[in-house]
C-alpha atoms as a PDB file:
ATOM      1  CA  MET A   1      16.554  36.209   4.375  1.00  0.00           C
ATOM      2  CA  ASP A   2      13.969  35.021   6.847  1.00  0.00           C
ATOM      3  CA  THR A   3      12.797  31.428   6.958  1.00  0.00           C
ATOM      4  CA  ALA A   4       9.210  32.457   6.680  1.00  0.00           C
ATOM      5  CA  SER A   5       9.848  33.738   3.190  1.00  0.00           C
ATOM      6  CA  LEU A   6      11.719  30.587   2.321  1.00  0.00           C
ATOM      7  CA  TYR A   7       8.792  28.515   3.562  1.00  0.00           C
ATOM      8  CA  TYR A   8       6.322  30.550   1.494  1.00  0.00           C
ATOM      9  CA  PHE A   9       8.543  30.092  -1.549  1.00  0.00           C
ATOM     10  CA  THR A  10       8.674  26.246  -1.136  1.00  0.00           C
ATOM     11  CA  GLU A  11       4.864  26.096  -0.703  1.00  0.00           C
ATOM     12  CA  ALA A  12       4.277  28.265  -3.761  1.00  0.00           C
ATOM     13  CA  ALA A  13       6.634  25.992  -5.729  1.00  0.00           C
ATOM     14  CA  LYS A  14       4.313  23.027  -4.884  1.00  0.00           C
ATOM     15  CA  ASP A  15       1.141  24.673  -6.223  1.00  0.00           C
ATOM     16  CA  LEU A  16       2.569  26.962  -8.919  1.00  0.00           C
ATOM     17  CA  ASN A  17      -0.523  29.075  -8.253  1.00  0.00           C
ATOM     18  CA  PHE A  18      -0.144  32.069  -5.881  1.00  0.00           C
ATOM     19  CA  THR A  19      -3.832  32.317  -5.223  1.00  0.00           C
ATOM     20  CA  GLN A  20      -4.104  28.630  -4.218  1.00  0.00           C
ATOM     21  CA  THR A  21      -1.038  28.841  -2.007  1.00  0.00           C
ATOM     22  CA  ALA A  22      -2.194  32.031  -0.321  1.00  0.00           C
ATOM     23  CA  ASN A  23      -5.581  30.510   0.464  1.00  0.00           C
ATOM     24  CA  ARG A  24      -3.996  27.321   1.819  1.00  0.00           C
ATOM     25  CA  LEU A  25      -1.648  29.236   4.021  1.00  0.00           C
ATOM     26  CA  PHE A  26      -4.262  31.784   5.103  1.00  0.00           C
ATOM     27  CA  LEU A  27      -2.356  34.713   3.595  1.00  0.00           C
ATOM     28  CA  SER A  28      -3.439  37.423   1.279  1.00  0.00           C
ATOM     29  CA  GLN A  29      -2.101  36.962  -2.257  1.00  0.00           C
ATOM     30  CA  GLN A  30      -0.391  40.308  -2.056  1.00  0.00           C
ATOM     31  CA  ASN A  31       1.429  39.300   1.111  1.00  0.00           C
ATOM     32  CA  LEU A  32       2.665  36.139  -0.532  1.00  0.00           C
ATOM     33  CA  SER A  33       3.777  38.043  -3.636  1.00  0.00           C
ATOM     34  CA  ASN A  34       5.650  40.570  -1.552  1.00  0.00           C
ATOM     35  CA  HIS A  35       7.608  37.776   0.154  1.00  0.00           C
ATOM     36  CA  ILE A  36       8.598  36.289  -3.199  1.00  0.00           C
ATOM     37  CA  ALA A  37       9.398  39.698  -4.682  1.00  0.00           C
ATOM     38  CA  ARG A  38      11.664  40.618  -1.732  1.00  0.00           C
ATOM     39  CA  MET A  39      13.589  37.337  -2.173  1.00  0.00           C
ATOM     40  CA  GLU A  40      13.995  37.941  -5.928  1.00  0.00           C
ATOM     41  CA  THR A  41      15.329  41.412  -5.190  1.00  0.00           C
ATOM     42  CA  LEU A  42      17.749  40.106  -2.664  1.00  0.00           C
ATOM     43  CA  LEU A  43      18.958  37.240  -4.892  1.00  0.00           C
ATOM     44  CA  GLY A  44      19.134  39.415  -7.958  1.00  0.00           C
ATOM     45  CA  CYS A  45      17.190  36.944 -10.139  1.00  0.00           C
ATOM     46  CA  LYS A  46      13.653  35.842 -10.914  1.00  0.00           C
ATOM     47  CA  LEU A  47      12.496  32.654  -9.054  1.00  0.00           C
ATOM     48  CA  PHE A  48       9.290  32.338 -10.980  1.00  0.00           C
ATOM     49  CA  GLN A  49       8.294  32.921 -14.612  1.00  0.00           C
ATOM     50  CA  ARG A  50       4.905  34.571 -14.391  1.00  0.00           C
ATOM     51  CA  LYS A  51       3.690  34.223 -18.032  1.00  0.00           C
ATOM     52  CA  PRO A  52       2.230  32.465 -19.918  1.00  0.00           C
ATOM     53  CA  LYS A  53       1.789  30.407 -16.754  1.00  0.00           C
ATOM     54  CA  LEU A  54       3.468  30.362 -13.341  1.00  0.00           C
ATOM     55  CA  GLU A  55       6.508  28.103 -13.279  1.00  0.00           C
ATOM     56  CA  LEU A  56       9.983  28.004 -11.635  1.00  0.00           C
ATOM     57  CA  THR A  57      12.840  29.529 -13.532  1.00  0.00           C
ATOM     58  CA  TYR A  58      16.163  27.634 -13.774  1.00  0.00           C
ATOM     59  CA  GLU A  59      17.440  29.766 -10.820  1.00  0.00           C
ATOM     60  CA  GLY A  60      14.191  29.026  -8.986  1.00  0.00           C
ATOM     61  CA  GLU A  61      14.688  25.237  -9.353  1.00  0.00           C
ATOM     62  CA  LEU A  62      18.270  25.551  -8.041  1.00  0.00           C
ATOM     63  CA  PHE A  63      17.181  27.726  -5.132  1.00  0.00           C
ATOM     64  CA  LEU A  64      14.318  25.389  -4.204  1.00  0.00           C
ATOM     65  CA  SER A  65      16.579  22.703  -2.880  1.00  0.00           C
ATOM     66  CA  TYR A  66      18.405  25.184  -0.622  1.00  0.00           C
ATOM     67  CA  ALA A  67      15.086  26.648   0.614  1.00  0.00           C
ATOM     68  CA  LYS A  68      13.684  23.206   1.444  1.00  0.00           C
ATOM     69  CA  GLU A  69      16.838  22.339   3.440  1.00  0.00           C
ATOM     70  CA  ALA A  70      16.798  25.606   5.291  1.00  0.00           C
ATOM     71  CA  VAL A  71      13.098  25.251   6.224  1.00  0.00           C
ATOM     72  CA  ALA A  72      13.603  21.620   7.208  1.00  0.00           C
ATOM     73  CA  SER A  73      16.693  22.549   9.321  1.00  0.00           C
ATOM     74  CA  GLU A  74      14.828  25.208  11.208  1.00  0.00           C
ATOM     75  CA  GLY A  75      11.871  22.887  11.917  1.00  0.00           C
ATOM     76  CA  ASN A  76      14.232  20.164  12.941  1.00  0.00           C
ATOM     77  CA  ILE A  77      16.313  22.214  15.398  1.00  0.00           C
ATOM     78  CA  ILE A  78      13.090  23.567  17.017  1.00  0.00           C
ATOM     79  CA  ALA A  79      11.652  20.013  17.249  1.00  0.00           C
ATOM     80  CA  THR A  80      14.993  18.787  18.584  1.00  0.00           C
ATOM     81  CA  LEU A  81      15.304  21.396  21.346  1.00  0.00           C
ATOM     82  CA  LYS A  82      11.662  20.826  22.378  1.00  0.00           C
ATOM     83  CA  SER A  83      12.222  17.052  22.432  1.00  0.00           C
ATOM     84  CA  ILE A  84      15.373  17.280  24.449  1.00  0.00           C
ATOM     85  CA  GLN A  85      13.671  19.505  27.013  1.00  0.00           C
ATOM     86  CA  ASN A  86      10.919  16.950  27.575  1.00  0.00           C
ATOM     87  CA  GLU A  87      11.160  13.628  25.864  1.00  0.00           C
ATOM     88  CA  ASN A  88       8.429  12.097  27.997  1.00  0.00           C
ATOM     89  CA  ALA A  89       5.633  14.307  26.631  1.00  0.00           C
ATOM     90  CA  GLY A  90       4.421  15.219  23.180  1.00  0.00           C
ATOM     91  CA  GLU A  91       3.376  13.459  20.042  1.00  0.00           C
ATOM     92  CA  LEU A  92       4.716  10.603  17.972  1.00  0.00           C
ATOM     93  CA  ARG A  93       3.648  10.921  14.319  1.00  0.00           C
ATOM     94  CA  ILE A  94       3.740   7.653  12.354  1.00  0.00           C
ATOM     95  CA  GLY A  95       2.731   7.041   8.736  1.00  0.00           C
ATOM     96  CA  ILE A  96       1.239   3.618   8.355  1.00  0.00           C
ATOM     97  CA  THR A  97      -1.797   2.013   6.551  1.00  0.00           C
ATOM     98  CA  THR A  98      -4.790   0.992   8.736  1.00  0.00           C
ATOM     99  CA  PRO A  99      -4.414  -2.807   8.015  1.00  0.00           C
ATOM    100  CA  ARG A 100      -0.764  -2.817   9.114  1.00  0.00           C
ATOM    101  CA  ALA A 101      -1.496  -0.557  12.119  1.00  0.00           C
ATOM    102  CA  SER A 102      -4.190  -2.948  13.262  1.00  0.00           C
ATOM    103  CA  ILE A 103      -1.561  -5.663  13.455  1.00  0.00           C
ATOM    104  CA  ILE A 104       1.386  -3.740  14.793  1.00  0.00           C
ATOM    105  CA  VAL A 105      -0.015  -1.228  17.264  1.00  0.00           C
ATOM    106  CA  PRO A 106      -2.002  -3.584  19.527  1.00  0.00           C
ATOM    107  CA  GLU A 107       1.050  -5.773  19.914  1.00  0.00           C
ATOM    108  CA  MET A 108       3.276  -2.947  21.133  1.00  0.00           C
ATOM    109  CA  ILE A 109       1.034  -0.248  22.590  1.00  0.00           C
ATOM    110  CA  GLU A 110       0.992  -1.624  26.132  1.00  0.00           C
ATOM    111  CA  VAL A 111       4.791  -1.954  26.334  1.00  0.00           C
ATOM    112  CA  PHE A 112       5.355   1.439  24.771  1.00  0.00           C
ATOM    113  CA  ASN A 113       2.833   3.248  26.858  1.00  0.00           C
ATOM    114  CA  ALA A 114       4.298   1.789  30.080  1.00  0.00           C
ATOM    115  CA  ALA A 115       7.652   3.256  29.103  1.00  0.00           C
ATOM    116  CA  HIS A 116       6.297   6.602  27.748  1.00  0.00           C
ATOM    117  CA  PRO A 117       2.890   7.344  29.386  1.00  0.00           C
ATOM    118  CA  GLY A 118       2.991  10.961  28.304  1.00  0.00           C
ATOM    119  CA  ILE A 119       3.467  10.348  24.555  1.00  0.00           C
ATOM    120  CA  HIS A 120       0.405  10.593  22.291  1.00  0.00           C
ATOM    121  CA  ILE A 121       0.719   8.408  19.169  1.00  0.00           C
ATOM    122  CA  LYS A 122      -0.904   9.825  16.055  1.00  0.00           C
ATOM    123  CA  LEU A 123      -1.234   7.566  12.978  1.00  0.00           C
ATOM    124  CA  PHE A 124      -1.525   8.811   9.423  1.00  0.00           C
ATOM    125  CA  ASP A 125      -3.084   6.416   6.880  1.00  0.00           C
ATOM    126  CA  GLN A 126      -2.352   7.687   3.442  1.00  0.00           C
ATOM    127  CA  PRO A 127      -1.058   6.167   0.142  1.00  0.00           C
ATOM    128  CA  SER A 128       2.688   5.629   0.182  1.00  0.00           C
ATOM    129  CA  TYR A 129       3.493   8.570  -2.119  1.00  0.00           C
ATOM    130  CA  LEU A 130       1.707  10.930   0.260  1.00  0.00           C
ATOM    131  CA  LEU A 131       3.422   9.492   3.336  1.00  0.00           C
ATOM    132  CA  GLU A 132       6.794   9.892   1.573  1.00  0.00           C
ATOM    133  CA  LYS A 133       6.037  13.577   0.892  1.00  0.00           C
ATOM    134  CA  MET A 134       4.914  14.176   4.533  1.00  0.00           C
ATOM    135  CA  LEU A 135       8.081  12.520   5.796  1.00  0.00           C
ATOM    136  CA  ALA A 136      10.279  14.517   3.356  1.00  0.00           C
ATOM    137  CA  ASP A 137       8.466  17.628   4.574  1.00  0.00           C
ATOM    138  CA  ASN A 138       9.386  16.744   8.140  1.00  0.00           C
ATOM    139  CA  ARG A 139       5.791  16.265   9.231  1.00  0.00           C
ATOM    140  CA  LEU A 140       6.238  12.611  10.409  1.00  0.00           C
ATOM    141  CA  ASP A 141       8.709  10.896  12.607  1.00  0.00           C
ATOM    142  CA  PHE A 142       8.850   7.849  10.420  1.00  0.00           C
ATOM    143  CA  CYS A 143       6.784   5.564   8.124  1.00  0.00           C
ATOM    144  CA  ILE A 144       6.126   1.867   8.079  1.00  0.00           C
ATOM    145  CA  GLY A 145       5.099   0.450   4.711  1.00  0.00           C
ATOM    146  CA  VAL A 146       6.079  -0.295   1.126  1.00  0.00           C
ATOM    147  CA  ILE A 147       8.161   2.832   0.287  1.00  0.00           C
ATOM    148  CA  TYR A 148      10.636   3.148  -2.524  1.00  0.00           C
ATOM    149  CA  SER A 149      11.582   6.774  -2.121  1.00  0.00           C
ATOM    150  CA  GLU A 150      13.627   8.953  -4.451  1.00  0.00           C
ATOM    151  CA  TYR A 151      13.964  11.687  -1.793  1.00  0.00           C
ATOM    152  CA  PRO A 152      17.698  11.764  -0.817  1.00  0.00           C
ATOM    153  CA  GLU A 153      16.893  12.671   2.762  1.00  0.00           C
ATOM    154  CA  LEU A 154      14.810   9.569   3.329  1.00  0.00           C
ATOM    155  CA  GLN A 155      16.461   6.414   4.504  1.00  0.00           C
ATOM    156  CA  SER A 156      14.722   3.016   4.540  1.00  0.00           C
ATOM    157  CA  THR A 157      15.449  -0.138   6.582  1.00  0.00           C
ATOM    158  CA  HIS A 158      14.099  -3.445   5.364  1.00  0.00           C
ATOM    159  CA  LEU A 159      11.631  -5.117   7.778  1.00  0.00           C
ATOM    160  CA  LEU A 160       9.981  -7.932   5.872  1.00  0.00           C
ATOM    161  CA  THR A 161       9.461  -9.395   2.374  1.00  0.00           C
ATOM    162  CA  ASP A 162       5.748 -10.084   1.925  1.00  0.00           C
ATOM    163  CA  LYS A 163       4.336 -12.303  -0.805  1.00  0.00           C
ATOM    164  CA  VAL A 164       1.103 -11.200  -2.509  1.00  0.00           C
ATOM    165  CA  PHE A 165      -1.730 -13.734  -2.445  1.00  0.00           C
ATOM    166  CA  LEU A 166      -4.878 -14.154  -4.555  1.00  0.00           C
ATOM    167  CA  CYS A 167      -7.596 -14.830  -2.020  1.00  0.00           C
ATOM    168  CA  VAL A 168     -10.834 -16.640  -3.037  1.00  0.00           C
ATOM    169  CA  SER A 169     -13.480 -18.714  -1.357  1.00  0.00           C
ATOM    170  CA  ASP A 170     -14.278 -22.340  -2.342  1.00  0.00           C
ATOM    171  CA  SER A 171     -17.831 -21.410  -3.376  1.00  0.00           C
ATOM    172  CA  LEU A 172     -16.789 -18.517  -5.586  1.00  0.00           C
ATOM    173  CA  LEU A 173     -14.093 -20.595  -7.233  1.00  0.00           C
ATOM    174  CA  ARG A 174     -16.608 -23.342  -8.042  1.00  0.00           C
ATOM    175  CA  SER A 175     -19.296 -20.981  -9.220  1.00  0.00           C
ATOM    176  CA  CYS A 176     -16.812 -19.364 -11.695  1.00  0.00           C
ATOM    177  CA  TYR A 177     -15.028 -22.527 -12.839  1.00  0.00           C
ATOM    178  CA  GLY A 178     -17.285 -25.464 -12.181  1.00  0.00           C
ATOM    179  CA  ALA A 179     -15.694 -28.803 -12.776  1.00  0.00           C
ATOM    180  CA  GLN A 180     -12.299 -27.112 -13.468  1.00  0.00           C
ATOM    181  CA  ALA A 181     -12.135 -25.633  -9.944  1.00  0.00           C
ATOM    182  CA  ASP A 182     -10.295 -28.532  -8.258  1.00  0.00           C
ATOM    183  CA  LYS A 183      -7.689 -28.803 -11.011  1.00  0.00           C
ATOM    184  CA  LEU A 184      -7.161 -25.084 -10.985  1.00  0.00           C
ATOM    185  CA  ARG A 185      -6.853 -24.941  -7.223  1.00  0.00           C
ATOM    186  CA  LYS A 186      -4.293 -27.707  -7.220  1.00  0.00           C
ATOM    187  CA  GLN A 187      -2.193 -26.023  -9.951  1.00  0.00           C
ATOM    188  CA  ALA A 188      -2.288 -22.670  -8.034  1.00  0.00           C
ATOM    189  CA  GLU A 189      -1.194 -23.985  -4.618  1.00  0.00           C
ATOM    190  CA  HIS A 190       2.424 -23.181  -5.444  1.00  0.00           C
ATOM    191  CA  GLY A 191       1.775 -20.157  -7.594  1.00  0.00           C
ATOM    192  CA  ALA A 192      -1.172 -18.542  -9.449  1.00  0.00           C
ATOM    193  CA  THR A 193      -1.285 -16.260 -12.524  1.00  0.00           C
ATOM    194  CA  VAL A 194      -4.003 -13.680 -12.964  1.00  0.00           C
ATOM    195  CA  ALA A 195      -4.749 -15.061 -16.475  1.00  0.00           C
ATOM    196  CA  ASP A 196      -5.807 -18.397 -14.983  1.00  0.00           C
ATOM    197  CA  PHE A 197      -8.321 -16.667 -12.683  1.00  0.00           C
ATOM    198  CA  SER A 198      -9.651 -13.922 -14.976  1.00  0.00           C
ATOM    199  CA  ARG A 199     -13.332 -14.909 -14.381  1.00  0.00           C
ATOM    200  CA  LEU A 200     -13.242 -14.116 -10.617  1.00  0.00           C
ATOM    201  CA  PRO A 201     -15.024 -10.906  -9.526  1.00  0.00           C
ATOM    202  CA  LEU A 202     -12.580  -8.779  -7.647  1.00  0.00           C
ATOM    203  CA  VAL A 203     -12.595  -6.222  -4.865  1.00  0.00           C
ATOM    204  CA  MET A 204      -9.540  -4.049  -5.188  1.00  0.00           C
ATOM    205  CA  SER A 205      -7.969  -0.806  -3.814  1.00  0.00           C
ATOM    206  CA  THR A 206      -7.786   2.279  -6.014  1.00  0.00           C
ATOM    207  CA  ASP A 207      -4.900   2.506  -8.457  1.00  0.00           C
ATOM    208  CA  SER A 208      -3.270   5.178  -6.279  1.00  0.00           C
ATOM    209  CA  ILE A 209      -2.098   2.270  -4.062  1.00  0.00           C
ATOM    210  CA  PRO A 210       1.221   0.856  -5.202  1.00  0.00           C
ATOM    211  CA  LEU A 211       0.120  -2.725  -4.599  1.00  0.00           C
ATOM    212  CA  THR A 212      -2.894  -2.263  -6.880  1.00  0.00           C
ATOM    213  CA  ARG A 213      -0.627  -0.857  -9.603  1.00  0.00           C
ATOM    214  CA  ALA A 214       1.624  -3.903  -9.245  1.00  0.00           C
ATOM    215  CA  ILE A 215      -1.317  -6.251  -9.618  1.00  0.00           C
ATOM    216  CA  LEU A 216      -2.753  -4.369 -12.562  1.00  0.00           C
ATOM    217  CA  SER A 217       0.620  -4.641 -14.287  1.00  0.00           C
ATOM    218  CA  CYS A 218       0.285  -8.478 -13.933  1.00  0.00           C
ATOM    219  CA  TYR A 219      -2.993  -8.218 -15.930  1.00  0.00           C
ATOM    220  CA  GLU A 220      -1.448  -5.972 -18.502  1.00  0.00           C
ATOM    221  CA  GLU A 221       1.571  -8.210 -19.032  1.00  0.00           C
ATOM    222  CA  THR A 222      -0.657 -11.203 -19.678  1.00  0.00           C
ATOM    223  CA  ASP A 223      -3.097  -9.222 -21.792  1.00  0.00           C
ATOM    224  CA  THR A 224      -5.884 -10.019 -19.327  1.00  0.00           C
ATOM    225  CA  GLN A 225      -8.763  -7.800 -18.309  1.00  0.00           C
ATOM    226  CA  PRO A 226      -9.519  -7.799 -14.510  1.00  0.00           C
ATOM    227  CA  ASN A 227     -13.155  -8.448 -13.601  1.00  0.00           C
ATOM    228  CA  VAL A 228     -13.377  -5.643 -10.947  1.00  0.00           C
ATOM    229  CA  LEU A 229     -16.628  -5.744  -8.981  1.00  0.00           C
ATOM    230  CA  LEU A 230     -15.722  -3.042  -6.440  1.00  0.00           C
ATOM    231  CA  THR A 231     -12.980  -0.477  -5.848  1.00  0.00           C
ATOM    232  CA  THR A 232     -12.557   0.702  -2.248  1.00  0.00           C
ATOM    233  CA  THR A 233      -9.974   1.722   0.291  1.00  0.00           C
ATOM    234  CA  TYR A 234     -12.022   0.411   3.189  1.00  0.00           C
ATOM    235  CA  PRO A 235     -10.142  -2.655   4.602  1.00  0.00           C
ATOM    236  CA  GLN A 236     -13.123  -4.295   6.258  1.00  0.00           C
ATOM    237  CA  LEU A 237     -14.826  -4.784   2.849  1.00  0.00           C
ATOM    238  CA  PHE A 238     -11.940  -6.861   1.538  1.00  0.00           C
ATOM    239  CA  ARG A 239     -12.291  -9.320   4.437  1.00  0.00           C
ATOM    240  CA  SER A 240     -16.127  -9.503   4.410  1.00  0.00           C
ATOM    241  CA  LEU A 241     -16.407 -10.020   0.574  1.00  0.00           C
ATOM    242  CA  TYR A 242     -13.654 -12.675   0.718  1.00  0.00           C
ATOM    243  CA  PHE A 243     -15.290 -14.502   3.626  1.00  0.00           C
ATOM    244  CA  SER A 244     -18.778 -14.325   2.175  1.00  0.00           C
ATOM    245  CA  GLY A 245     -17.703 -15.650  -1.248  1.00  0.00           C
ATOM    246  CA  ILE A 246     -18.905 -12.545  -3.088  1.00  0.00           C
ATOM    247  CA  ALA A 247     -15.538 -11.408  -4.494  1.00  0.00           C
ATOM    248  CA  ALA A 248     -11.913 -12.467  -4.627  1.00  0.00           C
ATOM    249  CA  THR A 249      -9.167 -10.084  -3.580  1.00  0.00           C
ATOM    250  CA  PHE A 250      -5.411  -9.671  -3.199  1.00  0.00           C
ATOM    251  CA  MET A 251      -3.609  -9.417   0.145  1.00  0.00           C
ATOM    252  CA  THR A 252       0.042  -9.419   1.303  1.00  0.00           C
ATOM    253  CA  GLU A 253       1.119 -12.326   3.485  1.00  0.00           C
ATOM    254  CA  MET A 254       1.093 -10.315   6.692  1.00  0.00           C
ATOM    255  CA  ILE A 255      -2.428  -8.865   6.094  1.00  0.00           C
ATOM    256  CA  LEU A 256      -3.699 -12.232   5.055  1.00  0.00           C
ATOM    257  CA  ALA A 257      -2.466 -13.982   8.197  1.00  0.00           C
ATOM    258  CA  ASP A 258      -4.287 -11.354  10.336  1.00  0.00           C
ATOM    259  CA  THR A 259      -7.371 -11.535   8.158  1.00  0.00           C
ATOM    260  CA  LEU A 260      -7.703 -15.339   8.582  1.00  0.00           C
ATOM    261  CA  ARG A 261      -7.547 -14.952  12.332  1.00  0.00           C
ATOM    262  CA  HIS A 262     -10.852 -13.238  12.139  1.00  0.00           C
ATOM    263  CA  GLN A 263     -12.476 -16.062  10.247  1.00  0.00           C
ATOM    264  CA  GLN A 264     -15.400 -17.544  12.230  1.00  0.00           C
ATOM    265  CA  GLN A 265     -15.735 -21.283  12.662  1.00  0.00           C
ATOM    266  CA  GLY A 266     -18.159 -23.005  10.421  1.00  0.00           C
ATOM    267  CA  THR A 267     -17.714 -20.621   7.441  1.00  0.00           C
ATOM    268  CA  GLU A 268     -16.795 -21.968   4.073  1.00  0.00           C
ATOM    269  CA  LYS A 269     -13.397 -22.979   2.949  1.00  0.00           C
ATOM    270  CA  LEU A 270     -11.048 -20.228   1.904  1.00  0.00           C
ATOM    271  CA  TYR A 271      -8.002 -20.363  -0.391  1.00  0.00           C
ATOM    272  CA  ALA A 272      -4.946 -18.081  -0.734  1.00  0.00           C
ATOM    273  CA  PHE A 273      -2.696 -18.655  -3.707  1.00  0.00           C
ATOM    274  CA  PRO A 274       0.754 -16.954  -3.968  1.00  0.00           C
ATOM    275  CA  LEU A 275       0.620 -14.678  -6.978  1.00  0.00           C
ATOM    276  CA  LEU A 276       3.125 -15.115  -9.824  1.00  0.00           C
ATOM    277  CA  ARG A 277       4.543 -12.474 -12.077  1.00  0.00           C
ATOM    278  CA  ASN A 278       6.791 -13.541 -14.938  1.00  0.00           C
ATOM    279  CA  GLY A 279       7.353 -16.854 -13.223  1.00  0.00           C
ATOM    280  CA  SER A 280       8.391 -15.372  -9.814  1.00  0.00           C
ATOM    281  CA  PHE A 281       6.390 -14.595  -6.729  1.00  0.00           C
ATOM    282  CA  LEU A 282       5.090 -11.075  -6.638  1.00  0.00           C
ATOM    283  CA  CYS A 283       6.424  -9.619  -3.389  1.00  0.00           C
ATOM    284  CA  ARG A 284       6.370  -6.345  -1.493  1.00  0.00           C
ATOM    285  CA  ASP A 285       9.225  -5.172   0.695  1.00  0.00           C
ATOM    286  CA  VAL A 286       7.927  -3.643   3.921  1.00  0.00           C
ATOM    287  CA  THR A 287      10.395  -0.936   5.217  1.00  0.00           C
ATOM    288  CA  LEU A 288      10.783   1.521   8.024  1.00  0.00           C
ATOM    289  CA  THR A 289      11.652   4.890   6.622  1.00  0.00           C
ATOM    290  CA  VAL A 290      12.995   7.970   8.409  1.00  0.00           C
ATOM    291  CA  ASN A 291      14.017  11.454   7.439  1.00  0.00           C
ATOM    292  CA  CYS A 292      17.759  11.787   8.053  1.00  0.00           C
ATOM    293  CA  HIS A 293      17.291  15.474   8.833  1.00  0.00           C
ATOM    294  CA  ARG A 294      14.708  14.827  11.606  1.00  0.00           C
ATOM    295  CA  TYR A 295      15.724  14.323  15.157  1.00  0.00           C
ATOM    296  CA  LEU A 296      14.414  11.070  16.595  1.00  0.00           C
ATOM    297  CA  SER A 297      13.354  11.284  20.237  1.00  0.00           C
ATOM    298  CA  LYS A 298      13.915   8.409  22.677  1.00  0.00           C
ATOM    299  CA  PRO A 299      10.223   7.418  22.478  1.00  0.00           C
ATOM    300  CA  ALA A 300      10.495   7.367  18.669  1.00  0.00           C
ATOM    301  CA  LYS A 301      13.609   5.208  18.783  1.00  0.00           C
ATOM    302  CA  HIS A 302      11.872   2.888  21.262  1.00  0.00           C
ATOM    303  CA  PHE A 303       8.910   2.452  19.039  1.00  0.00           C
ATOM    304  CA  ILE A 304      11.210   1.726  16.043  1.00  0.00           C
ATOM    305  CA  SER A 305      13.088  -0.831  18.062  1.00  0.00           C
ATOM    306  CA  LEU A 306       9.797  -2.579  19.068  1.00  0.00           C
ATOM    307  CA  THR A 307       8.711  -2.515  15.411  1.00  0.00           C
ATOM    308  CA  GLN A 308      11.963  -4.082  14.217  1.00  0.00           C
ATOM    309  CA  ASN A 309      11.778  -6.750  16.897  1.00  0.00           C
ATOM    310  CA  MET A 310       8.203  -7.594  15.933  1.00  0.00           C
ATOM    311  CA  PHE A 311       8.942  -7.950  12.301  1.00  0.00           C
ATOM    312  CA  SER A 312      12.035  -9.997  13.058  1.00  0.00           C
ATOM    313  CA  THR A 313       9.782 -12.384  15.049  1.00  0.00           C
ATOM    314  CA  ILE A 314       7.317 -12.636  12.134  1.00  0.00           C
ATOM    315  CA  ALA A 315      10.188 -13.488   9.761  1.00  0.00           C
ATOM    316  CA  GLU A 316      11.588 -16.135  12.097  1.00  0.00           C
ATOM    317  CA  ASN A 317       8.121 -17.675  12.588  1.00  0.00           C
ATOM    318  CA  ARG A 318       7.761 -17.881   8.811  1.00  0.00           C
ATOM    319  CA  LYS A 319      11.033 -19.706   8.465  1.00  0.00           C
ATOM    320  CA  SER A 320      10.025 -22.218  11.090  1.00  0.00           C
ATOM    321  CA  GLN A 321       6.667 -22.802   9.376  1.00  0.00           C
ATOM    322  CA  ASP A 322       8.408 -23.337   6.047  1.00  0.00           C
ATOM    323  CA  LYS A 323      10.741 -25.871   7.607  1.00  0.00           C
ATOM    324  CA  ASP A 324       7.809 -27.710   9.199  1.00  0.00           C
ATOM    325  CA  GLU A 325       5.957 -27.837   5.851  1.00  0.00           C
ATOM    326  CA  ILE A 326       8.971 -29.183   4.100  1.00  0.00           C
ATOM    327  CA  ALA A 327       9.563 -31.796   6.795  1.00  0.00           C
ATOM    328  CA  ALA A 328       5.823 -32.829   6.590  1.00  0.00           C
ATOM    329  CA  LYS A 329       6.210 -33.503   2.824  1.00  0.00           C
END
């Protein structure tokens, strides 16, 4: 049984539409059907139920896990042999969102490039669920982000626990709450609920983003309707609308710290309140996730090491800041 047929089978199992899979893989539908039919003859069972709609049979579902492993193993051994032959050339494929990449990469690129001048870094900015799928399909070296994977082949290492903050300008807070603004601000310094700030116009990411879903669940649990002004995946808009006092937004602690570094002097006062959910801070665990079946080259391991050291430094700096704030009180 050739791995090409196994690959075509795994891809057909994703779409459950032979025409769609054939077009995506630049095959004729007849060619794809022939590969599937030959496997079914060899195995002595049907892998797909054709009618009333295309779906995997019980045997097909069992065979799918084997086929995925076989395809991944072949891709991994080829990648391993190529990497061993020349680990100082090639491509490092990293899944990471643009806001995190803008913080991490500039800090490390010079050191990494000095050690591995022949390596081209390629970043993939996708929602977490898509990055998980790419990593499980052996198309990435690793991912940095908030990933809670159910794929058994993926292994995550904790990097940082990030609180989520409600970010609003002084002018917007006062325009929405008037004389109540100061009292509300003081109450929210140590924790804010979405119900208390329901009047604020918001700029948010689409609900395909896990953070957005977590925030929307805060609204649902308090029976509050969010006042969404704009939905976007463009990071620059979050910063500009927050700074200009047009809309409030939500940011994780790491992104917030980087955002505030871009604030120009003389602009209005900005607030960031840690968000509460059921009485506890809403947090996101940033992880570094790898595919256990994928060979990690020396450059990949070096980048991972630099990433872990950077996040460790961020965590230590936060601890020092917390101690200083406690001492000041």
